[in-house]
Amino acid sequence: MGNNENRNIVLEPDYQDMLAASWRMHGDHRGGYQKVCPCCGKMFYARRPEGKYCSQACRQREYRKRRKNLRGKCCPSSKATS
């Protein structure tokens, strides 16, 4: 049994590649997913992969903006029916 030297081969994984793959799958070391808020443009870390806004205030602001834009499209004004 003189071939014990062959059994002790250790492969060193590329740490940076493994870390990058892990961050893509599970978020980074801060426990979140790096995103940019579409409302204010601020970079933030979302807790969930589908997180979109940096705060509740930005989320509400965008909702009100969408609602305001839809109001004129779906309900024609009385001037248009004259």
Protein backbone atom coordinates (compact mmCIF):
# COMPACT_ATOMS: atom_id res chain seq x y z
CA MET A 1 0.00 0.00 0.00
CA GLY A 2 2.59 2.51 -1.06
CA ASN A 3 0.10 4.56 -3.12
CA ASN A 4 -1.22 6.65 -0.20
CA GLU A 5 0.33 9.71 -1.81
CA ASN A 6 -2.19 9.57 -4.66
CA ARG A 7 -5.17 9.61 -2.30
CA ASN A 8 -4.22 12.92 -0.72
CA ILE A 9 -4.86 15.08 -3.80
CA VAL A 10 -6.72 18.22 -2.78
CA LEU A 11 -8.35 20.44 -5.38
CA GLU A 12 -8.51 24.09 -4.41
CA PRO A 13 -11.72 25.68 -5.67
CA ASP A 14 -11.60 29.18 -7.07
CA TYR A 15 -12.92 31.20 -4.12
CA GLN A 16 -14.03 34.22 -6.16
CA ASP A 17 -16.08 32.12 -8.60
CA MET A 18 -17.78 30.24 -5.78
CA LEU A 19 -18.51 33.47 -3.92
CA ALA A 20 -19.95 35.14 -7.02
CA ALA A 21 -22.18 32.13 -7.72
CA SER A 22 -23.40 32.08 -4.14
CA TRP A 23 -24.21 35.80 -4.19
CA ARG A 24 -26.16 35.45 -7.42
CA MET A 25 -28.23 32.66 -5.90
CA HIS A 26 -28.64 33.81 -2.31
CA GLY A 27 -27.80 37.52 -2.18
CA ASP A 28 -24.56 38.98 -0.96
CA HIS A 29 -22.87 39.20 2.45
CA ARG A 30 -25.29 41.89 3.63
CA GLY A 31 -28.14 39.41 3.44
CA GLY A 32 -29.88 40.98 0.49
CA TYR A 33 -29.97 41.59 -3.22
CA GLN A 34 -28.33 44.74 -4.57
CA LYS A 35 -30.92 46.80 -6.48
CA VAL A 36 -31.54 50.36 -7.64
CA CYS A 37 -34.83 52.00 -6.63
CA PRO A 38 -36.79 53.07 -9.75
CA CYS A 39 -38.34 55.95 -7.81
CA CYS A 40 -35.36 57.76 -6.29
CA GLY A 41 -32.42 56.01 -8.00
CA LYS A 42 -30.81 55.05 -4.71
CA MET A 43 -28.87 51.77 -4.46
CA PHE A 44 -30.23 49.50 -1.73
CA TYR A 45 -30.21 45.88 -0.56
CA ALA A 46 -33.56 44.14 -0.99
CA ARG A 47 -34.49 41.34 1.39
CA ARG A 48 -36.24 39.42 -1.38
CA PRO A 49 -35.16 38.88 -4.98
CA GLU A 50 -38.34 40.52 -6.28
CA GLY A 51 -37.94 43.61 -4.05
CA LYS A 52 -38.22 46.75 -6.14
CA TYR A 53 -38.28 49.86 -3.94
CA CYS A 54 -35.91 51.08 -1.23
CA SER A 55 -38.66 52.16 1.17
CA GLN A 56 -42.40 52.15 1.73
CA ALA A 57 -42.45 55.88 0.87
CA CYS A 58 -40.99 55.24 -2.60
CA ARG A 59 -43.38 52.35 -3.15
CA GLN A 60 -46.36 54.53 -2.24
CA ARG A 61 -45.08 57.43 -4.39
CA GLU A 62 -44.81 55.18 -7.46
CA TYR A 63 -48.26 53.68 -6.80
CA ARG A 64 -49.83 57.14 -6.66
CA LYS A 65 -48.01 58.15 -9.83
CA ARG A 66 -49.33 55.05 -11.66
CA ARG A 67 -52.85 55.62 -10.34
CA LYS A 68 -52.81 59.25 -11.45
CA ASN A 69 -51.65 58.29 -14.95
CA LEU A 70 -54.35 55.61 -15.28
CA ARG A 71 -57.15 57.89 -14.12
CA GLY A 72 -57.18 59.92 -17.34
CA LYS A 73 -56.91 56.89 -19.63
CA CYS A 74 -59.74 54.69 -18.39
CA CYS A 75 -62.36 57.33 -17.58
CA PRO A 76 -63.01 59.78 -20.44
CA SER A 77 -63.90 63.26 -19.31
CA SER A 78 -67.37 64.72 -19.95
CA LYS A 79 -65.87 67.27 -22.39
CA ALA A 80 -64.84 64.49 -24.78
CA THR A 81 -68.43 63.19 -25.07
CA SER A 82 -69.92 66.54 -26.13
